[in-house]
Amino acid sequence: MDRRSEFVTFLASLLPGAGYMYFGMIRFGIETMLLFFIVPKILHLVGLGFIAYIFSIPFWLYTFFDTYRVAHKFDRGEIIEDKSWFSNNSLGEINISNKGWTSFAWVLIVIGVIAILNKIFASYDIFYSVRLYIVPAIFILIGIYLLFKGKDRI
């Protein structure tokens, strides 16, 4: 087994997901990068950019230090499995449990409601208000759909 480079580990840990990919956890690394770069953009899109920083900074800190945890496992010769943020099985298809869909649905509903309330109290221009309500309303509808879809499978 090759010894890892501490400098490359440091550089890779600066970009969320890159450190995981450096240690062979490709799926987890890609999912981490997508979460880090896409979630803040979605939050900015619906007018909740201030929450993006609340999400991004702790997420970056977590991935930075978790990369070092993975590096120490690698140094000890432990087997590092490629895990997933979205499912319990490793390298299998994405199979989110009913609880996972319910949690995701509630997150979409809460983000949509907060975004709509933010827009109601932030501006009174009707044209822009209507345009800004569409994406949060879609989040709410998708969340409600996922909640009711999950109950049919039980």
N, C-alpha and C. Protein backbone atom coordinates (compact mmCIF):
# COMPACT_ATOMS: atom_id res chain seq x y z
N MET A 1 0.85 -1.17 0.00
CA MET A 1 0.00 0.00 0.00
C MET A 1 0.90 1.24 0.00
N ASP A 2 0.54 2.20 -0.83
CA ASP A 2 1.31 3.44 -0.92
C ASP A 2 1.00 4.34 0.26
N ARG A 3 1.99 5.09 0.64
CA ARG A 3 1.82 6.08 1.71
C ARG A 3 1.24 7.34 1.09
N ARG A 4 0.31 7.94 1.77
CA ARG A 4 -0.32 9.15 1.25
C ARG A 4 0.61 10.35 1.43
N SER A 5 0.44 11.32 0.60
CA SER A 5 1.19 12.57 0.71
C SER A 5 0.40 13.52 1.61
N GLU A 6 1.02 13.99 2.68
CA GLU A 6 0.32 14.89 3.60
C GLU A 6 -0.01 16.22 2.94
N PHE A 7 0.87 16.70 2.06
CA PHE A 7 0.61 17.96 1.38
C PHE A 7 -0.58 17.83 0.42
N VAL A 8 -0.62 16.74 -0.35
CA VAL A 8 -1.73 16.52 -1.27
C VAL A 8 -3.02 16.31 -0.49
N THR A 9 -2.94 15.63 0.65
CA THR A 9 -4.13 15.46 1.49
C THR A 9 -4.65 16.82 1.95
N PHE A 10 -3.75 17.70 2.36
CA PHE A 10 -4.16 19.03 2.78
C PHE A 10 -4.81 19.79 1.63
N LEU A 11 -4.18 19.77 0.46
CA LEU A 11 -4.75 20.48 -0.68
C LEU A 11 -6.11 19.91 -1.08
N ALA A 12 -6.22 18.59 -1.08
CA ALA A 12 -7.48 17.96 -1.47
C ALA A 12 -8.57 18.22 -0.44
N SER A 13 -8.20 18.33 0.83
CA SER A 13 -9.22 18.56 1.86
C SER A 13 -9.76 19.98 1.83
N LEU A 14 -9.07 20.89 1.15
CA LEU A 14 -9.55 22.27 1.04
C LEU A 14 -10.81 22.37 0.17
N LEU A 15 -10.96 21.46 -0.78
CA LEU A 15 -12.13 21.44 -1.65
C LEU A 15 -13.02 20.28 -1.22
N PRO A 16 -14.20 20.57 -0.68
CA PRO A 16 -15.06 19.48 -0.21
C PRO A 16 -15.31 18.43 -1.29
N GLY A 17 -15.00 17.21 -0.96
CA GLY A 17 -15.19 16.09 -1.87
C GLY A 17 -13.91 15.63 -2.54
N ALA A 18 -12.99 16.53 -2.78
CA ALA A 18 -11.74 16.16 -3.46
C ALA A 18 -10.90 15.24 -2.59
N GLY A 19 -10.90 15.47 -1.30
CA GLY A 19 -10.14 14.61 -0.39
C GLY A 19 -10.68 13.19 -0.39
N TYR A 20 -12.01 13.06 -0.43
CA TYR A 20 -12.60 11.73 -0.48
C TYR A 20 -12.20 11.02 -1.77
N MET A 21 -12.21 11.76 -2.87
CA MET A 21 -11.82 11.16 -4.15
C MET A 21 -10.35 10.77 -4.16
N TYR A 22 -9.52 11.53 -3.48
CA TYR A 22 -8.09 11.21 -3.38
C TYR A 22 -7.88 9.85 -2.71
N PHE A 23 -8.77 9.49 -1.80
CA PHE A 23 -8.67 8.20 -1.11
C PHE A 23 -9.56 7.13 -1.73
N GLY A 24 -10.06 7.36 -2.94
CA GLY A 24 -10.79 6.34 -3.66
C GLY A 24 -12.28 6.32 -3.43
N MET A 25 -12.80 7.27 -2.67
CA MET A 25 -14.24 7.33 -2.41
C MET A 25 -14.88 8.25 -3.45
N ILE A 26 -14.93 7.78 -4.68
CA ILE A 26 -15.35 8.62 -5.80
C ILE A 26 -16.81 9.04 -5.67
N ARG A 27 -17.69 8.10 -5.40
CA ARG A 27 -19.12 8.43 -5.30
C ARG A 27 -19.37 9.43 -4.18
N PHE A 28 -18.80 9.18 -3.02
CA PHE A 28 -19.00 10.08 -1.88
C PHE A 28 -18.39 11.45 -2.17
N GLY A 29 -17.26 11.48 -2.84
CA GLY A 29 -16.63 12.74 -3.19
C GLY A 29 -17.47 13.56 -4.15
N ILE A 30 -18.03 12.91 -5.16
CA ILE A 30 -18.87 13.62 -6.13
C ILE A 30 -20.14 14.13 -5.45
N GLU A 31 -20.76 13.29 -4.61
CA GLU A 31 -21.96 13.72 -3.90
C GLU A 31 -21.65 14.90 -2.99
N THR A 32 -20.50 14.87 -2.33
CA THR A 32 -20.11 15.96 -1.44
C THR A 32 -19.91 17.24 -2.23
N MET A 33 -19.24 17.15 -3.37
CA MET A 33 -19.04 18.34 -4.20
C MET A 33 -20.37 18.90 -4.69
N LEU A 34 -21.26 18.02 -5.12
CA LEU A 34 -22.57 18.49 -5.58
C LEU A 34 -23.32 19.19 -4.47
N LEU A 35 -23.32 18.60 -3.27
CA LEU A 35 -24.00 19.25 -2.15
C LEU A 35 -23.38 20.61 -1.84
N PHE A 36 -22.06 20.68 -1.84
CA PHE A 36 -21.39 21.92 -1.46
C PHE A 36 -21.62 23.03 -2.49
N PHE A 37 -21.67 22.68 -3.76
CA PHE A 37 -21.78 23.72 -4.78
C PHE A 37 -23.22 23.97 -5.24
N ILE A 38 -24.09 22.97 -5.18
CA ILE A 38 -25.45 23.13 -5.71
C ILE A 38 -26.42 23.69 -4.66
N VAL A 39 -26.36 23.20 -3.42
CA VAL A 39 -27.31 23.64 -2.39
C VAL A 39 -27.27 25.16 -2.19
N PRO A 40 -26.09 25.78 -2.05
CA PRO A 40 -26.10 27.25 -1.90
C PRO A 40 -26.68 27.97 -3.12
N LYS A 41 -26.44 27.45 -4.32
CA LYS A 41 -27.01 28.08 -5.52
C LYS A 41 -28.53 28.00 -5.50
N ILE A 42 -29.07 26.86 -5.08
CA ILE A 42 -30.52 26.72 -4.99
C ILE A 42 -31.08 27.67 -3.94
N LEU A 43 -30.39 27.78 -2.81
CA LEU A 43 -30.86 28.69 -1.76
C LEU A 43 -30.81 30.14 -2.24
N HIS A 44 -29.79 30.52 -2.99
CA HIS A 44 -29.73 31.87 -3.56
C HIS A 44 -30.85 32.07 -4.57
N LEU A 45 -31.15 31.03 -5.34
CA LEU A 45 -32.19 31.12 -6.36
C LEU A 45 -33.55 31.43 -5.75
N VAL A 46 -33.84 30.85 -4.60
CA VAL A 46 -35.14 31.07 -3.97
C VAL A 46 -35.11 32.24 -3.00
N GLY A 47 -34.01 32.97 -2.96
CA GLY A 47 -33.95 34.16 -2.13
C GLY A 47 -33.52 33.91 -0.70
N LEU A 48 -32.92 32.78 -0.44
CA LEU A 48 -32.47 32.45 0.91
C LEU A 48 -30.95 32.35 0.96
N GLY A 49 -30.29 33.29 0.32
CA GLY A 49 -28.84 33.26 0.25
C GLY A 49 -28.17 33.31 1.61
N PHE A 50 -28.82 33.95 2.58
CA PHE A 50 -28.23 34.03 3.92
C PHE A 50 -28.12 32.66 4.57
N ILE A 51 -29.00 31.74 4.21
CA ILE A 51 -28.93 30.38 4.76
C ILE A 51 -27.79 29.60 4.10
N ALA A 52 -27.41 30.00 2.90
CA ALA A 52 -26.33 29.30 2.19
C ALA A 52 -25.05 29.34 3.00
N TYR A 53 -24.76 30.46 3.64
CA TYR A 53 -23.55 30.55 4.47
C TYR A 53 -23.68 29.69 5.72
N ILE A 54 -24.86 29.63 6.26
CA ILE A 54 -25.09 28.80 7.45
C ILE A 54 -24.88 27.33 7.09
N PHE A 55 -25.19 26.94 5.86
CA PHE A 55 -24.97 25.58 5.40
C PHE A 55 -23.51 25.35 4.99
N SER A 56 -22.96 26.26 4.22
CA SER A 56 -21.65 26.04 3.58
C SER A 56 -20.48 25.97 4.56
N ILE A 57 -20.44 26.88 5.51
CA ILE A 57 -19.28 26.93 6.41
C ILE A 57 -19.17 25.68 7.28
N PRO A 58 -20.24 25.26 7.99
CA PRO A 58 -20.10 24.01 8.77
C PRO A 58 -19.86 22.79 7.89
N PHE A 59 -20.48 22.76 6.70
CA PHE A 59 -20.28 21.63 5.80
C PHE A 59 -18.83 21.56 5.35
N TRP A 60 -18.23 22.71 5.02
CA TRP A 60 -16.83 22.74 4.63
C TRP A 60 -15.94 22.27 5.78
N LEU A 61 -16.20 22.76 6.98
CA LEU A 61 -15.40 22.34 8.14
C LEU A 61 -15.52 20.83 8.37
N TYR A 62 -16.74 20.31 8.26
CA TYR A 62 -16.95 18.87 8.45
C TYR A 62 -16.13 18.07 7.44
N THR A 63 -16.23 18.44 6.16
CA THR A 63 -15.53 17.66 5.14
C THR A 63 -14.01 17.81 5.27
N PHE A 64 -13.55 18.98 5.69
CA PHE A 64 -12.11 19.20 5.87
C PHE A 64 -11.56 18.23 6.91
N PHE A 65 -12.20 18.18 8.08
CA PHE A 65 -11.69 17.33 9.15
C PHE A 65 -12.02 15.85 8.91
N ASP A 66 -13.14 15.57 8.24
CA ASP A 66 -13.47 14.18 7.95
C ASP A 66 -12.49 13.59 6.94
N THR A 67 -11.97 14.40 6.05
CA THR A 67 -10.94 13.93 5.12
C THR A 67 -9.72 13.44 5.88
N TYR A 68 -9.36 14.13 6.94
CA TYR A 68 -8.22 13.69 7.76
C TYR A 68 -8.55 12.41 8.53
N ARG A 69 -9.81 12.25 8.92
CA ARG A 69 -10.22 10.99 9.56
C ARG A 69 -10.05 9.83 8.58
N VAL A 70 -10.49 10.04 7.35
CA VAL A 70 -10.33 9.02 6.31
C VAL A 70 -8.85 8.78 6.04
N ALA A 71 -8.04 9.84 6.04
CA ALA A 71 -6.59 9.70 5.80
C ALA A 71 -5.94 8.84 6.87
N HIS A 72 -6.34 9.03 8.12
CA HIS A 72 -5.77 8.22 9.20
C HIS A 72 -6.18 6.75 9.07
N LYS A 73 -7.42 6.51 8.64
CA LYS A 73 -7.84 5.13 8.38
C LYS A 73 -6.99 4.53 7.26
N PHE A 74 -6.72 5.32 6.24
CA PHE A 74 -5.90 4.87 5.11
C PHE A 74 -4.49 4.54 5.60
N ASP A 75 -3.93 5.38 6.45
CA ASP A 75 -2.58 5.15 6.99
C ASP A 75 -2.50 3.88 7.83
N ARG A 76 -3.58 3.57 8.55
CA ARG A 76 -3.60 2.36 9.38
C ARG A 76 -3.85 1.11 8.55
N GLY A 77 -4.16 1.27 7.28
CA GLY A 77 -4.38 0.13 6.41
C GLY A 77 -5.81 -0.39 6.44
N GLU A 78 -6.72 0.37 7.01
CA GLU A 78 -8.11 -0.06 7.06
C GLU A 78 -8.74 0.08 5.67
N ILE A 79 -9.74 -0.75 5.44
CA ILE A 79 -10.47 -0.69 4.18
C ILE A 79 -11.43 0.50 4.24
N ILE A 80 -11.38 1.33 3.23
CA ILE A 80 -12.24 2.51 3.17
C ILE A 80 -13.32 2.26 2.13
N GLU A 81 -14.55 2.14 2.60
CA GLU A 81 -15.67 1.89 1.69
C GLU A 81 -16.19 3.20 1.12
N ASP A 82 -16.58 3.16 -0.13
CA ASP A 82 -17.20 4.32 -0.77
C ASP A 82 -18.65 4.35 -0.34
N LYS A 83 -19.00 5.31 0.52
CA LYS A 83 -20.35 5.39 1.05
C LYS A 83 -21.15 6.43 0.27
N SER A 84 -22.33 6.72 0.75
CA SER A 84 -23.19 7.67 0.07
C SER A 84 -23.90 8.55 1.10
N TRP A 85 -24.19 9.78 0.72
CA TRP A 85 -24.98 10.66 1.59
C TRP A 85 -26.45 10.25 1.55
N PHE A 86 -26.87 9.58 0.48
CA PHE A 86 -28.28 9.39 0.22
C PHE A 86 -28.80 7.98 0.43
N SER A 87 -27.93 7.01 0.62
CA SER A 87 -28.41 5.64 0.84
C SER A 87 -27.48 4.93 1.80
N ASN A 88 -27.97 3.83 2.34
CA ASN A 88 -27.19 3.06 3.30
C ASN A 88 -26.28 2.04 2.63
N ASN A 89 -26.64 1.63 1.42
CA ASN A 89 -25.82 0.63 0.75
C ASN A 89 -24.66 1.29 0.03
N SER A 90 -23.53 0.60 -0.01
CA SER A 90 -22.36 1.18 -0.67
C SER A 90 -22.31 0.72 -2.11
N LEU A 91 -22.14 1.66 -3.00
CA LEU A 91 -22.02 1.44 -4.44
C LEU A 91 -23.24 0.82 -5.10
N GLY A 92 -24.32 0.65 -4.35
CA GLY A 92 -25.54 0.15 -4.96
C GLY A 92 -26.31 1.32 -5.57
N GLU A 93 -27.48 1.01 -6.05
CA GLU A 93 -28.29 2.09 -6.60
C GLU A 93 -28.81 2.96 -5.47
N ILE A 94 -29.17 4.18 -5.79
CA ILE A 94 -29.68 5.07 -4.76
C ILE A 94 -31.04 4.56 -4.33
N ASN A 95 -31.13 4.14 -3.10
CA ASN A 95 -32.34 3.56 -2.57
C ASN A 95 -32.66 4.26 -1.26
N ILE A 96 -33.29 5.41 -1.36
CA ILE A 96 -33.59 6.18 -0.17
C ILE A 96 -34.76 5.54 0.55
N SER A 97 -34.63 5.37 1.84
CA SER A 97 -35.69 4.76 2.63
C SER A 97 -36.88 5.71 2.69
N ASN A 98 -38.00 5.18 3.15
CA ASN A 98 -39.21 5.98 3.29
C ASN A 98 -38.95 7.15 4.23
N LYS A 99 -38.16 6.92 5.28
CA LYS A 99 -37.81 7.99 6.22
C LYS A 99 -36.98 9.05 5.51
N GLY A 100 -36.10 8.64 4.61
CA GLY A 100 -35.29 9.59 3.86
C GLY A 100 -36.13 10.47 2.96
N TRP A 101 -37.12 9.87 2.27
CA TRP A 101 -38.01 10.66 1.41
C TRP A 101 -38.83 11.63 2.24
N THR A 102 -39.29 11.18 3.40
CA THR A 102 -40.08 12.05 4.27
C THR A 102 -39.25 13.23 4.74
N SER A 103 -38.03 12.98 5.14
CA SER A 103 -37.15 14.07 5.59
C SER A 103 -36.88 15.04 4.44
N PHE A 104 -36.59 14.51 3.26
CA PHE A 104 -36.34 15.35 2.09
C PHE A 104 -37.57 16.19 1.75
N ALA A 105 -38.75 15.57 1.84
CA ALA A 105 -39.99 16.29 1.55
C ALA A 105 -40.19 17.45 2.52
N TRP A 106 -39.96 17.21 3.80
CA TRP A 106 -40.11 18.28 4.80
C TRP A 106 -39.09 19.39 4.58
N VAL A 107 -37.89 19.05 4.19
CA VAL A 107 -36.87 20.07 3.91
C VAL A 107 -37.33 20.95 2.74
N LEU A 108 -37.85 20.32 1.68
CA LEU A 108 -38.34 21.10 0.54
C LEU A 108 -39.49 22.01 0.94
N ILE A 109 -40.41 21.50 1.75
CA ILE A 109 -41.56 22.31 2.18
C ILE A 109 -41.10 23.49 3.03
N VAL A 110 -40.21 23.24 3.97
CA VAL A 110 -39.73 24.31 4.85
C VAL A 110 -38.98 25.37 4.04
N ILE A 111 -38.11 24.95 3.12
CA ILE A 111 -37.38 25.92 2.29
C ILE A 111 -38.36 26.74 1.45
N GLY A 112 -39.35 26.08 0.88
CA GLY A 112 -40.33 26.79 0.07
C GLY A 112 -41.13 27.79 0.87
N VAL A 113 -41.59 27.41 2.06
CA VAL A 113 -42.38 28.31 2.91
C VAL A 113 -41.54 29.50 3.37
N ILE A 114 -40.31 29.23 3.80
CA ILE A 114 -39.44 30.33 4.24
C ILE A 114 -39.16 31.28 3.08
N ALA A 115 -38.94 30.73 1.90
CA ALA A 115 -38.66 31.58 0.74
C ALA A 115 -39.86 32.45 0.39
N ILE A 116 -41.06 31.88 0.44
CA ILE A 116 -42.26 32.66 0.14
C ILE A 116 -42.47 33.75 1.18
N LEU A 117 -42.33 33.41 2.46
CA LEU A 117 -42.48 34.42 3.50
C LEU A 117 -41.42 35.51 3.37
N ASN A 118 -40.22 35.12 3.01
CA ASN A 118 -39.15 36.10 2.80
C ASN A 118 -39.51 37.06 1.66
N LYS A 119 -40.09 36.54 0.61
CA LYS A 119 -40.46 37.39 -0.53
C LYS A 119 -41.65 38.28 -0.21
N ILE A 120 -42.60 37.78 0.57
CA ILE A 120 -43.78 38.58 0.92
C ILE A 120 -43.36 39.83 1.69
N PHE A 121 -42.48 39.64 2.65
CA PHE A 121 -42.10 40.76 3.50
C PHE A 121 -40.94 41.58 2.95
N ALA A 122 -40.28 41.10 1.91
CA ALA A 122 -39.12 41.81 1.38
C ALA A 122 -39.48 42.82 0.29
N SER A 123 -40.45 42.50 -0.56
CA SER A 123 -40.78 43.42 -1.65
C SER A 123 -42.28 43.39 -1.93
N TYR A 124 -42.74 44.47 -2.52
CA TYR A 124 -44.16 44.55 -2.85
C TYR A 124 -44.38 44.70 -4.35
N ASP A 125 -43.34 44.55 -5.15
CA ASP A 125 -43.46 44.61 -6.59
C ASP A 125 -44.08 43.30 -7.08
N ILE A 126 -45.27 43.37 -7.66
CA ILE A 126 -46.04 42.17 -8.00
C ILE A 126 -45.35 41.33 -9.07
N PHE A 127 -44.80 41.95 -10.11
CA PHE A 127 -44.16 41.18 -11.18
C PHE A 127 -43.02 40.32 -10.63
N TYR A 128 -42.15 40.92 -9.86
CA TYR A 128 -41.03 40.17 -9.30
C TYR A 128 -41.50 39.18 -8.24
N SER A 129 -42.53 39.54 -7.51
CA SER A 129 -43.05 38.63 -6.48
C SER A 129 -43.60 37.36 -7.11
N VAL A 130 -44.36 37.50 -8.19
CA VAL A 130 -44.91 36.32 -8.86
C VAL A 130 -43.79 35.43 -9.39
N ARG A 131 -42.78 36.04 -10.00
CA ARG A 131 -41.66 35.28 -10.54
C ARG A 131 -40.89 34.56 -9.43
N LEU A 132 -40.73 35.19 -8.30
CA LEU A 132 -39.96 34.61 -7.22
C LEU A 132 -40.74 33.56 -6.42
N TYR A 133 -42.05 33.51 -6.57
CA TYR A 133 -42.85 32.51 -5.85
C TYR A 133 -42.87 31.17 -6.57
N ILE A 134 -42.57 31.13 -7.84
CA ILE A 134 -42.71 29.90 -8.61
C ILE A 134 -41.79 28.80 -8.11
N VAL A 135 -40.50 29.06 -7.95
CA VAL A 135 -39.56 28.02 -7.52
C VAL A 135 -39.88 27.52 -6.11
N PRO A 136 -40.13 28.41 -5.13
CA PRO A 136 -40.49 27.89 -3.80
C PRO A 136 -41.80 27.10 -3.82
N ALA A 137 -42.76 27.54 -4.62
CA ALA A 137 -44.02 26.80 -4.71
C ALA A 137 -43.79 25.41 -5.30
N ILE A 138 -42.89 25.31 -6.25
CA ILE A 138 -42.55 24.00 -6.83
C ILE A 138 -41.93 23.11 -5.76
N PHE A 139 -41.03 23.68 -4.92
CA PHE A 139 -40.45 22.90 -3.82
C PHE A 139 -41.53 22.37 -2.90
N ILE A 140 -42.49 23.22 -2.56
CA ILE A 140 -43.57 22.79 -1.66
C ILE A 140 -44.38 21.68 -2.31
N LEU A 141 -44.73 21.84 -3.57
CA LEU A 141 -45.52 20.82 -4.26
C LEU A 141 -44.77 19.50 -4.37
N ILE A 142 -43.49 19.55 -4.68
CA ILE A 142 -42.70 18.31 -4.75
C ILE A 142 -42.64 17.66 -3.38
N GLY A 143 -42.45 18.46 -2.33
CA GLY A 143 -42.41 17.91 -0.98
C GLY A 143 -43.72 17.25 -0.59
N ILE A 144 -44.84 17.90 -0.88
CA ILE A 144 -46.15 17.31 -0.57
C ILE A 144 -46.36 16.04 -1.38
N TYR A 145 -45.97 16.06 -2.66
CA TYR A 145 -46.09 14.86 -3.50
C TYR A 145 -45.29 13.70 -2.91
N LEU A 146 -44.06 13.98 -2.48
CA LEU A 146 -43.22 12.92 -1.90
C LEU A 146 -43.81 12.39 -0.60
N LEU A 147 -44.41 13.26 0.19
CA LEU A 147 -45.04 12.80 1.43
C LEU A 147 -46.19 11.85 1.14
N PHE A 148 -47.06 12.23 0.21
CA PHE A 148 -48.21 11.38 -0.09
C PHE A 148 -47.81 10.14 -0.88
N LYS A 149 -46.80 10.24 -1.71
CA LYS A 149 -46.30 9.08 -2.46
C LYS A 149 -45.75 8.04 -1.50
N GLY A 150 -45.07 8.50 -0.46
CA GLY A 150 -44.49 7.60 0.53
C GLY A 150 -45.55 6.85 1.32
N LYS A 151 -46.70 7.47 1.56
CA LYS A 151 -47.77 6.81 2.32
C LYS A 151 -48.43 5.71 1.51
N ASP A 152 -48.42 5.84 0.18
CA ASP A 152 -49.01 4.80 -0.66
C ASP A 152 -48.21 3.50 -0.61
N ARG A 153 -46.90 3.60 -0.39
CA ARG A 153 -46.04 2.42 -0.38
C ARG A 153 -46.10 1.68 0.95
N ILE A 154 -46.60 2.30 1.99
CA ILE A 154 -46.60 1.65 3.31
C ILE A 154 -47.65 0.61 3.41
